[in-house]
Amino acid sequence: MATKAMKKGSAEAAGYSGRYVFVGSTMRKVPAGIIACRAGDLASCVHGASRKTVFISARRSSTDDLLKAGLKLGRGGRMGRLLTLEPPRPESVPSLSGLFERVIGTIAGYRWLPVEELAAVLGGEDSADRFIGGAADAEGGTLALVRGDLTTLVVPFADFAPSGDGTKPDFTKLAFNDYGLTVALGEYEASADGILYEFDPAYRKKLMKERLQGERSFRASLRRLRLQRGLKRSDFAPVAAKTIARIERGDVERPHGKTLEAIARRLGVDAGQIESF
């Protein structure tokens, strides 16, 4: 419906400023708050944008189209931020940097969430608590992880210790799964909240505030106790990391049977005590 509305012209498109605009994407389902801008609507999208607008370009060719449309804004014209899922032409980066407040994803090393998961995360209330993409720097020994609010968190390779079953991270196989809740390094998986708990003081403060407010659901207690134990979601074998993630999100009710037993055993507490933490 958003793309139909934009065909009515730039005056109405101006009402979309401050939102997320996907260009060159073939998403089958467009979440609320997201605009899928077709090639024929690009001029309206650009003229209706503000410096709060975030453009997400799916292809190099669509980034080139954005650059051409931006030039038509006239002298001094500026747009919001640009996220490129496919690296732009190196020669175009200086011009893009002049047109946009910030350009993210300008090198080939970036990896991103699948586009439909990315669209679902952007604009969400907890977007800052999820990683939508990032890049590994082998020489520097660091990961640059892009959060859903488009800020970047830099984490040293050395802080990714082998998981409980001995699996080691493979930084050459960086990927992002589970709507930004999981960072995969080959067979190794690290939870977004575990990383944020270690490296973002504001995130730790938020968790403590939740605890002081008396949240005592099973999912909240599991997450608190897991972080206190320094455990990743992948450390609960035979329970899958995705299952732990679903429990902590509240997508699954309190687990029972062997799943609950395995979780409690790894946490080192009785099953009935988890919700007391």
C-alpha atoms as a PDB file:
ATOM      1  CA  MET A   1       0.000   0.000   0.000  1.00  0.00           C
ATOM      2  CA  ALA A   2       2.900   2.346   0.675  1.00  0.00           C
ATOM      3  CA  THR A   3       4.172   2.122  -2.877  1.00  0.00           C
ATOM      4  CA  LYS A   4       0.702   2.933  -4.254  1.00  0.00           C
ATOM      5  CA  ALA A   5       0.516   6.006  -2.068  1.00  0.00           C
ATOM      6  CA  MET A   6       3.824   7.307  -3.352  1.00  0.00           C
ATOM      7  CA  LYS A   7       2.584   7.293  -6.917  1.00  0.00           C
ATOM      8  CA  LYS A   8       0.364  10.212  -5.976  1.00  0.00           C
ATOM      9  CA  GLY A   9       3.370  12.535  -5.980  1.00  0.00           C
ATOM     10  CA  SER A  10       6.042  14.158  -3.879  1.00  0.00           C
ATOM     11  CA  ALA A  11       3.584  16.176  -1.778  1.00  0.00           C
ATOM     12  CA  GLU A  12       2.223  13.017  -0.181  1.00  0.00           C
ATOM     13  CA  ALA A  13       5.633  11.374  -0.193  1.00  0.00           C
ATOM     14  CA  ALA A  14       6.812  14.160   2.098  1.00  0.00           C
ATOM     15  CA  GLY A  15       4.608  12.629   4.773  1.00  0.00           C
ATOM     16  CA  TYR A  16       6.901   9.598   4.813  1.00  0.00           C
ATOM     17  CA  SER A  17       9.933  11.505   6.087  1.00  0.00           C
ATOM     18  CA  GLY A  18      11.649   9.987   9.076  1.00  0.00           C
ATOM     19  CA  ARG A  19      10.851   6.407   8.093  1.00  0.00           C
ATOM     20  CA  TYR A  20      12.788   3.592   6.461  1.00  0.00           C
ATOM     21  CA  VAL A  21      12.800   3.474   2.674  1.00  0.00           C
ATOM     22  CA  PHE A  22      13.934   0.309   0.849  1.00  0.00           C
ATOM     23  CA  VAL A  23      15.135   0.818  -2.703  1.00  0.00           C
ATOM     24  CA  GLY A  24      15.768  -2.012  -5.179  1.00  0.00           C
ATOM     25  CA  SER A  25      14.285  -4.647  -2.870  1.00  0.00           C
ATOM     26  CA  THR A  26      11.891  -7.426  -3.877  1.00  0.00           C
ATOM     27  CA  MET A  27      10.344  -7.996  -0.458  1.00  0.00           C
ATOM     28  CA  ARG A  28       7.173 -10.056  -0.647  1.00  0.00           C
ATOM     29  CA  LYS A  29       5.747  -8.607   2.564  1.00  0.00           C
ATOM     30  CA  VAL A  30       6.442  -5.055   3.664  1.00  0.00           C
ATOM     31  CA  PRO A  31       6.137  -4.457   7.453  1.00  0.00           C
ATOM     32  CA  ALA A  32       4.300  -1.477   8.858  1.00  0.00           C
ATOM     33  CA  GLY A  33       6.443   1.653   8.963  1.00  0.00           C
ATOM     34  CA  ILE A  34       8.571   0.507   6.014  1.00  0.00           C
ATOM     35  CA  ILE A  35       8.355   1.935   2.507  1.00  0.00           C
ATOM     36  CA  ALA A  36       9.297  -0.182  -0.510  1.00  0.00           C
ATOM     37  CA  CYS A  37      10.183   2.434  -3.127  1.00  0.00           C
ATOM     38  CA  ARG A  38       9.900   1.344  -6.737  1.00  0.00           C
ATOM     39  CA  ALA A  39      12.143   2.751  -9.451  1.00  0.00           C
ATOM     40  CA  GLY A  40       9.345   4.930 -10.833  1.00  0.00           C
ATOM     41  CA  ASP A  41       8.701   6.426  -7.381  1.00  0.00           C
ATOM     42  CA  LEU A  42      12.332   7.238  -6.582  1.00  0.00           C
ATOM     43  CA  ALA A  43      12.102  10.970  -7.280  1.00  0.00           C
ATOM     44  CA  SER A  44       9.111  11.281  -4.919  1.00  0.00           C
ATOM     45  CA  CYS A  45      10.875   9.238  -2.231  1.00  0.00           C
ATOM     46  CA  VAL A  46      13.966  11.439  -2.376  1.00  0.00           C
ATOM     47  CA  HIS A  47      12.104  14.751  -2.444  1.00  0.00           C
ATOM     48  CA  GLY A  48       9.855  13.625   0.406  1.00  0.00           C
ATOM     49  CA  ALA A  49      12.754  12.557   2.610  1.00  0.00           C
ATOM     50  CA  SER A  50      14.217  14.405   5.557  1.00  0.00           C
ATOM     51  CA  ARG A  51      17.535  14.095   7.334  1.00  0.00           C
ATOM     52  CA  LYS A  52      15.874  11.527   9.598  1.00  0.00           C
ATOM     53  CA  THR A  53      15.047   9.230   6.699  1.00  0.00           C
ATOM     54  CA  VAL A  54      17.038   6.028   6.335  1.00  0.00           C
ATOM     55  CA  PHE A  55      17.433   4.659   2.821  1.00  0.00           C
ATOM     56  CA  ILE A  56      18.303   0.969   2.456  1.00  0.00           C
ATOM     57  CA  SER A  57      19.641   0.106  -0.987  1.00  0.00           C
ATOM     58  CA  ALA A  58      19.535  -3.570  -1.924  1.00  0.00           C
ATOM     59  CA  ARG A  59      21.732  -3.401  -5.034  1.00  0.00           C
ATOM     60  CA  ARG A  60      24.616  -1.403  -6.424  1.00  0.00           C
ATOM     61  CA  SER A  61      22.443  -0.248  -9.314  1.00  0.00           C
ATOM     62  CA  SER A  62      19.768   1.087  -6.942  1.00  0.00           C
ATOM     63  CA  THR A  63      22.468   3.012  -5.056  1.00  0.00           C
ATOM     64  CA  ASP A  64      23.517   4.602  -8.341  1.00  0.00           C
ATOM     65  CA  ASP A  65      19.868   5.528  -8.960  1.00  0.00           C
ATOM     66  CA  LEU A  66      19.677   7.119  -5.512  1.00  0.00           C
ATOM     67  CA  LEU A  67      22.806   9.124  -6.217  1.00  0.00           C
ATOM     68  CA  LYS A  68      21.348  10.481  -9.453  1.00  0.00           C
ATOM     69  CA  ALA A  69      18.048  11.314  -7.767  1.00  0.00           C
ATOM     70  CA  GLY A  70      19.852  13.044  -4.908  1.00  0.00           C
ATOM     71  CA  LEU A  71      21.776  15.265  -7.294  1.00  0.00           C
ATOM     72  CA  LYS A  72      18.468  16.657  -8.519  1.00  0.00           C
ATOM     73  CA  LEU A  73      17.806  18.138  -5.070  1.00  0.00           C
ATOM     74  CA  GLY A  74      20.006  21.024  -6.094  1.00  0.00           C
ATOM     75  CA  ARG A  75      23.006  22.700  -4.528  1.00  0.00           C
ATOM     76  CA  GLY A  76      23.457  21.915  -0.880  1.00  0.00           C
ATOM     77  CA  GLY A  77      20.791  19.198  -0.957  1.00  0.00           C
ATOM     78  CA  ARG A  78      21.286  16.596   1.732  1.00  0.00           C
ATOM     79  CA  MET A  79      19.492  13.378   2.647  1.00  0.00           C
ATOM     80  CA  GLY A  80      19.430  11.181   5.740  1.00  0.00           C
ATOM     81  CA  ARG A  81      21.409   7.980   6.227  1.00  0.00           C
ATOM     82  CA  LEU A  82      22.123   5.313   3.632  1.00  0.00           C
ATOM     83  CA  LEU A  83      22.583   1.597   4.275  1.00  0.00           C
ATOM     84  CA  THR A  84      23.951  -0.327   1.279  1.00  0.00           C
ATOM     85  CA  LEU A  85      23.385  -4.093   1.352  1.00  0.00           C
ATOM     86  CA  GLU A  86      25.597  -4.478  -1.720  1.00  0.00           C
ATOM     87  CA  PRO A  87      28.745  -2.314  -1.680  1.00  0.00           C
ATOM     88  CA  PRO A  88      28.507   0.748  -3.948  1.00  0.00           C
ATOM     89  CA  ARG A  89      31.047   1.540  -6.640  1.00  0.00           C
ATOM     90  CA  PRO A  90      34.200   2.784  -4.862  1.00  0.00           C
ATOM     91  CA  GLU A  91      34.235   5.844  -7.112  1.00  0.00           C
ATOM     92  CA  SER A  92      30.733   6.790  -5.948  1.00  0.00           C
ATOM     93  CA  VAL A  93      31.465   6.704  -2.198  1.00  0.00           C
ATOM     94  CA  PRO A  94      32.792  10.295  -1.911  1.00  0.00           C
ATOM     95  CA  SER A  95      29.702  11.655  -3.662  1.00  0.00           C
ATOM     96  CA  LEU A  96      27.364   9.501  -1.566  1.00  0.00           C
ATOM     97  CA  SER A  97      29.109  10.726   1.571  1.00  0.00           C
ATOM     98  CA  GLY A  98      28.451  14.286   0.446  1.00  0.00           C
ATOM     99  CA  LEU A  99      24.746  13.663  -0.167  1.00  0.00           C
ATOM    100  CA  PHE A 100      23.955  11.534   2.882  1.00  0.00           C
ATOM    101  CA  GLU A 101      24.517  12.235   6.561  1.00  0.00           C
ATOM    102  CA  ARG A 102      26.127   8.804   6.900  1.00  0.00           C
ATOM    103  CA  VAL A 103      26.785   5.866   4.556  1.00  0.00           C
ATOM    104  CA  ILE A 104      27.023   2.348   6.043  1.00  0.00           C
ATOM    105  CA  GLY A 105      28.202  -0.732   4.165  1.00  0.00           C
ATOM    106  CA  THR A 106      30.699   0.746   1.720  1.00  0.00           C
ATOM    107  CA  ILE A 107      33.074  -2.244   1.700  1.00  0.00           C
ATOM    108  CA  ALA A 108      32.622  -5.825   0.534  1.00  0.00           C
ATOM    109  CA  GLY A 109      33.236  -7.334   3.974  1.00  0.00           C
ATOM    110  CA  TYR A 110      29.816  -6.423   5.392  1.00  0.00           C
ATOM    111  CA  ARG A 111      27.249  -9.142   6.046  1.00  0.00           C
ATOM    112  CA  TRP A 112      23.570  -8.409   6.710  1.00  0.00           C
ATOM    113  CA  LEU A 113      20.382  -9.989   7.939  1.00  0.00           C
ATOM    114  CA  PRO A 114      18.105 -11.365   5.197  1.00  0.00           C
ATOM    115  CA  VAL A 115      16.227  -8.381   3.795  1.00  0.00           C
ATOM    116  CA  GLU A 116      12.800  -9.326   5.177  1.00  0.00           C
ATOM    117  CA  GLU A 117      14.250  -9.885   8.675  1.00  0.00           C
ATOM    118  CA  LEU A 118      16.110  -6.578   8.372  1.00  0.00           C
ATOM    119  CA  ALA A 119      12.899  -4.749   7.496  1.00  0.00           C
ATOM    120  CA  ALA A 120      11.123  -6.338  10.468  1.00  0.00           C
ATOM    121  CA  VAL A 121      13.849  -5.225  12.892  1.00  0.00           C
ATOM    122  CA  LEU A 122      14.240  -1.622  11.709  1.00  0.00           C
ATOM    123  CA  GLY A 123      11.931   0.724  13.534  1.00  0.00           C
ATOM    124  CA  GLY A 124      11.067  -1.828  16.216  1.00  0.00           C
ATOM    125  CA  GLU A 125      11.037  -0.831  19.871  1.00  0.00           C
ATOM    126  CA  ASP A 126      13.995  -3.097  20.626  1.00  0.00           C
ATOM    127  CA  SER A 127      15.929  -2.481  17.400  1.00  0.00           C
ATOM    128  CA  ALA A 128      18.936  -1.168  19.330  1.00  0.00           C
ATOM    129  CA  ASP A 129      19.154  -4.542  21.095  1.00  0.00           C
ATOM    130  CA  ARG A 130      19.626  -6.435  17.826  1.00  0.00           C
ATOM    131  CA  PHE A 131      22.439  -6.620  15.289  1.00  0.00           C
ATOM    132  CA  ILE A 132      21.409  -6.143  11.666  1.00  0.00           C
ATOM    133  CA  GLY A 133      24.880  -6.600  10.161  1.00  0.00           C
ATOM    134  CA  GLY A 134      28.574  -5.998  10.485  1.00  0.00           C
ATOM    135  CA  ALA A 135      32.080  -6.691   9.248  1.00  0.00           C
ATOM    136  CA  ALA A 136      35.152  -8.532  10.522  1.00  0.00           C
ATOM    137  CA  ASP A 137      38.645  -7.013  10.476  1.00  0.00           C
ATOM    138  CA  ALA A 138      41.105  -9.912  10.566  1.00  0.00           C
ATOM    139  CA  GLU A 139      44.214  -7.728  10.789  1.00  0.00           C
ATOM    140  CA  GLY A 140      42.795  -5.539  13.537  1.00  0.00           C
ATOM    141  CA  GLY A 141      41.142  -8.474  15.302  1.00  0.00           C
ATOM    142  CA  THR A 142      37.765  -6.761  15.692  1.00  0.00           C
ATOM    143  CA  LEU A 143      34.127  -7.100  14.730  1.00  0.00           C
ATOM    144  CA  ALA A 144      32.142  -3.976  13.851  1.00  0.00           C
ATOM    145  CA  LEU A 145      28.525  -4.829  14.668  1.00  0.00           C
ATOM    146  CA  VAL A 146      25.742  -2.578  13.356  1.00  0.00           C
ATOM    147  CA  ARG A 147      22.736  -2.326  15.663  1.00  0.00           C
ATOM    148  CA  GLY A 148      19.148  -1.776  14.593  1.00  0.00           C
ATOM    149  CA  ASP A 149      19.400   1.906  15.487  1.00  0.00           C
ATOM    150  CA  LEU A 150      22.383   2.104  13.050  1.00  0.00           C
ATOM    151  CA  THR A 151      24.981   2.689  15.739  1.00  0.00           C
ATOM    152  CA  THR A 152      28.105   0.508  15.620  1.00  0.00           C
ATOM    153  CA  LEU A 153      29.606  -1.540  18.431  1.00  0.00           C
ATOM    154  CA  VAL A 154      33.244  -2.679  18.085  1.00  0.00           C
ATOM    155  CA  VAL A 155      34.113  -5.982  19.779  1.00  0.00           C
ATOM    156  CA  PRO A 156      37.568  -7.662  19.905  1.00  0.00           C
ATOM    157  CA  PHE A 157      37.931 -11.187  18.510  1.00  0.00           C
ATOM    158  CA  ALA A 158      39.569 -12.177  21.794  1.00  0.00           C
ATOM    159  CA  ASP A 159      36.295 -11.772  23.691  1.00  0.00           C
ATOM    160  CA  PHE A 160      34.631 -14.643  21.828  1.00  0.00           C
ATOM    161  CA  ALA A 161      35.728 -17.609  23.923  1.00  0.00           C
ATOM    162  CA  PRO A 162      35.030 -21.179  22.724  1.00  0.00           C
ATOM    163  CA  SER A 163      31.502 -22.321  23.608  1.00  0.00           C
ATOM    164  CA  GLY A 164      30.696 -24.995  26.157  1.00  0.00           C
ATOM    165  CA  ASP A 165      31.111 -27.832  23.644  1.00  0.00           C
ATOM    166  CA  GLY A 166      34.497 -26.512  22.460  1.00  0.00           C
ATOM    167  CA  THR A 167      33.275 -24.848  19.258  1.00  0.00           C
ATOM    168  CA  LYS A 168      35.559 -21.986  18.243  1.00  0.00           C
ATOM    169  CA  PRO A 169      34.491 -18.864  16.333  1.00  0.00           C
ATOM    170  CA  ASP A 170      35.347 -18.646  12.633  1.00  0.00           C
ATOM    171  CA  PHE A 171      35.518 -14.925  11.902  1.00  0.00           C
ATOM    172  CA  THR A 172      35.692 -15.546   8.152  1.00  0.00           C
ATOM    173  CA  LYS A 173      32.097 -16.844   8.235  1.00  0.00           C
ATOM    174  CA  LEU A 174      30.229 -13.964   9.836  1.00  0.00           C
ATOM    175  CA  ALA A 175      26.427 -14.103   9.582  1.00  0.00           C
ATOM    176  CA  PHE A 176      23.373 -12.706  11.364  1.00  0.00           C
ATOM    177  CA  ASN A 177      20.302 -14.767  12.213  1.00  0.00           C
ATOM    178  CA  ASP A 178      17.113 -14.921  14.240  1.00  0.00           C
ATOM    179  CA  TYR A 179      16.053 -11.330  13.490  1.00  0.00           C
ATOM    180  CA  GLY A 180      19.305  -9.935  14.816  1.00  0.00           C
ATOM    181  CA  LEU A 181      19.372 -11.846  18.088  1.00  0.00           C
ATOM    182  CA  THR A 182      22.195 -14.173  17.022  1.00  0.00           C
ATOM    183  CA  VAL A 183      25.668 -13.475  15.620  1.00  0.00           C
ATOM    184  CA  ALA A 184      27.042 -16.575  13.862  1.00  0.00           C
ATOM    185  CA  LEU A 185      30.753 -17.165  13.316  1.00  0.00           C
ATOM    186  CA  GLY A 186      30.714 -20.401  11.387  1.00  0.00           C
ATOM    187  CA  GLU A 187      29.271 -23.085  13.687  1.00  0.00           C
ATOM    188  CA  TYR A 188      29.795 -20.794  16.664  1.00  0.00           C
ATOM    189  CA  GLU A 189      26.889 -18.618  17.845  1.00  0.00           C
ATOM    190  CA  ALA A 190      26.866 -15.616  20.171  1.00  0.00           C
ATOM    191  CA  SER A 191      23.711 -13.945  21.456  1.00  0.00           C
ATOM    192  CA  ALA A 192      23.186 -10.248  20.843  1.00  0.00           C
ATOM    193  CA  ASP A 193      22.206  -9.636  24.445  1.00  0.00           C
ATOM    194  CA  GLY A 194      25.316 -11.416  25.722  1.00  0.00           C
ATOM    195  CA  ILE A 195      27.523  -9.153  23.592  1.00  0.00           C
ATOM    196  CA  LEU A 196      25.618  -6.026  24.575  1.00  0.00           C
ATOM    197  CA  TYR A 197      25.712  -6.964  28.260  1.00  0.00           C
ATOM    198  CA  GLU A 198      29.500  -7.100  28.126  1.00  0.00           C
ATOM    199  CA  PHE A 199      30.171  -4.013  26.000  1.00  0.00           C
ATOM    200  CA  ASP A 200      27.283  -1.568  26.479  1.00  0.00           C
ATOM    201  CA  PRO A 201      26.957  -0.065  29.990  1.00  0.00           C
ATOM    202  CA  ALA A 202      23.573   1.451  29.088  1.00  0.00           C
ATOM    203  CA  TYR A 203      22.265  -1.982  28.160  1.00  0.00           C
ATOM    204  CA  ARG A 204      23.445  -3.437  31.489  1.00  0.00           C
ATOM    205  CA  LYS A 205      21.772  -0.565  33.302  1.00  0.00           C
ATOM    206  CA  LYS A 206      18.520  -1.259  31.483  1.00  0.00           C
ATOM    207  CA  LEU A 207      18.598  -4.917  32.530  1.00  0.00           C
ATOM    208  CA  MET A 208      19.212  -3.942  36.133  1.00  0.00           C
ATOM    209  CA  LYS A 209      16.274  -1.544  35.993  1.00  0.00           C
ATOM    210  CA  GLU A 210      14.033  -4.343  34.710  1.00  0.00           C
ATOM    211  CA  ARG A 211      15.168  -6.497  37.596  1.00  0.00           C
ATOM    212  CA  LEU A 212      14.501  -3.777  40.168  1.00  0.00           C
ATOM    213  CA  GLN A 213      11.027  -3.319  38.734  1.00  0.00           C
ATOM    214  CA  GLY A 214      10.365  -6.887  39.759  1.00  0.00           C
ATOM    215  CA  GLU A 215       9.962  -8.616  36.386  1.00  0.00           C
ATOM    216  CA  ARG A 216       9.761 -12.274  37.357  1.00  0.00           C
ATOM    217  CA  SER A 217       8.632 -14.029  34.197  1.00  0.00           C
ATOM    218  CA  PHE A 218      10.460 -17.228  33.303  1.00  0.00           C
ATOM    219  CA  ARG A 219      11.941 -15.667  30.156  1.00  0.00           C
ATOM    220  CA  ALA A 220      13.309 -12.623  32.015  1.00  0.00           C
ATOM    221  CA  SER A 221      14.741 -14.766  34.812  1.00  0.00           C
ATOM    222  CA  LEU A 222      16.350 -17.131  32.319  1.00  0.00           C
ATOM    223  CA  ARG A 223      18.013 -14.248  30.511  1.00  0.00           C
ATOM    224  CA  ARG A 224      19.273 -12.638  33.731  1.00  0.00           C
ATOM    225  CA  LEU A 225      20.636 -15.915  35.090  1.00  0.00           C
ATOM    226  CA  ARG A 226      22.235 -16.854  31.766  1.00  0.00           C
ATOM    227  CA  LEU A 227      24.036 -13.517  31.572  1.00  0.00           C
ATOM    228  CA  GLN A 228      25.125 -13.783  35.192  1.00  0.00           C
ATOM    229  CA  ARG A 229      26.632 -17.182  34.391  1.00  0.00           C
ATOM    230  CA  GLY A 230      28.388 -15.782  31.316  1.00  0.00           C
ATOM    231  CA  LEU A 231      26.597 -18.262  29.062  1.00  0.00           C
ATOM    232  CA  LYS A 232      25.645 -17.889  25.407  1.00  0.00           C
ATOM    233  CA  ARG A 233      22.448 -19.240  23.930  1.00  0.00           C
ATOM    234  CA  SER A 234      24.489 -21.865  22.137  1.00  0.00           C
ATOM    235  CA  ASP A 235      25.754 -23.251  25.467  1.00  0.00           C
ATOM    236  CA  PHE A 236      22.579 -25.188  26.299  1.00  0.00           C
ATOM    237  CA  ALA A 237      22.996 -28.263  24.100  1.00  0.00           C
ATOM    238  CA  PRO A 238      21.006 -30.341  23.337  1.00  0.00           C
ATOM    239  CA  VAL A 239      18.601 -27.372  23.486  1.00  0.00           C
ATOM    240  CA  ALA A 240      19.147 -25.309  20.328  1.00  0.00           C
ATOM    241  CA  ALA A 241      20.251 -21.666  20.558  1.00  0.00           C
ATOM    242  CA  LYS A 242      17.154 -20.659  18.584  1.00  0.00           C
ATOM    243  CA  THR A 243      14.938 -22.348  21.174  1.00  0.00           C
ATOM    244  CA  ILE A 244      16.588 -20.375  23.979  1.00  0.00           C
ATOM    245  CA  ALA A 245      16.121 -17.187  21.930  1.00  0.00           C
ATOM    246  CA  ARG A 246      12.412 -17.924  21.396  1.00  0.00           C
ATOM    247  CA  ILE A 247      11.908 -18.566  25.122  1.00  0.00           C
ATOM    248  CA  GLU A 248      13.638 -15.312  26.059  1.00  0.00           C
ATOM    249  CA  ARG A 249      11.540 -13.354  23.546  1.00  0.00           C
ATOM    250  CA  GLY A 250       8.359 -14.824  24.978  1.00  0.00           C
ATOM    251  CA  ASP A 251       7.496 -16.682  21.760  1.00  0.00           C
ATOM    252  CA  VAL A 252       7.426 -19.954  23.734  1.00  0.00           C
ATOM    253  CA  GLU A 253       5.697 -20.561  27.054  1.00  0.00           C
ATOM    254  CA  ARG A 254       7.664 -21.847  30.054  1.00  0.00           C
ATOM    255  CA  PRO A 255       9.447 -25.012  28.816  1.00  0.00           C
ATOM    256  CA  HIS A 256       8.770 -28.415  30.314  1.00  0.00           C
ATOM    257  CA  GLY A 257      10.272 -31.874  30.478  1.00  0.00           C
ATOM    258  CA  LYS A 258      13.725 -32.532  29.081  1.00  0.00           C
ATOM    259  CA  THR A 259      14.083 -28.967  27.745  1.00  0.00           C
ATOM    260  CA  LEU A 260      13.561 -27.456  31.192  1.00  0.00           C
ATOM    261  CA  GLU A 261      15.861 -30.042  32.776  1.00  0.00           C
ATOM    262  CA  ALA A 262      18.654 -29.311  30.287  1.00  0.00           C
ATOM    263  CA  ILE A 263      18.362 -25.551  30.844  1.00  0.00           C
ATOM    264  CA  ALA A 264      18.403 -25.886  34.630  1.00  0.00           C
ATOM    265  CA  ARG A 265      21.348 -28.297  34.542  1.00  0.00           C
ATOM    266  CA  ARG A 266      23.426 -25.879  32.453  1.00  0.00           C
ATOM    267  CA  LEU A 267      22.528 -22.975  34.742  1.00  0.00           C
ATOM    268  CA  GLY A 268      23.436 -25.040  37.786  1.00  0.00           C
ATOM    269  CA  VAL A 269      20.131 -24.581  39.617  1.00  0.00           C
ATOM    270  CA  ASP A 270      16.958 -26.576  40.254  1.00  0.00           C
ATOM    271  CA  ALA A 271      14.317 -26.093  37.588  1.00  0.00           C
ATOM    272  CA  GLY A 272      11.912 -24.616  40.121  1.00  0.00           C
ATOM    273  CA  GLN A 273      14.438 -21.967  41.181  1.00  0.00           C
ATOM    274  CA  ILE A 274      14.974 -20.271  37.819  1.00  0.00           C
ATOM    275  CA  GLU A 275      12.103 -17.813  38.266  1.00  0.00           C
ATOM    276  CA  SER A 276      13.480 -16.742  41.654  1.00  0.00           C
ATOM    277  CA  PHE A 277      16.451 -15.010  40.022  1.00  0.00           C
END
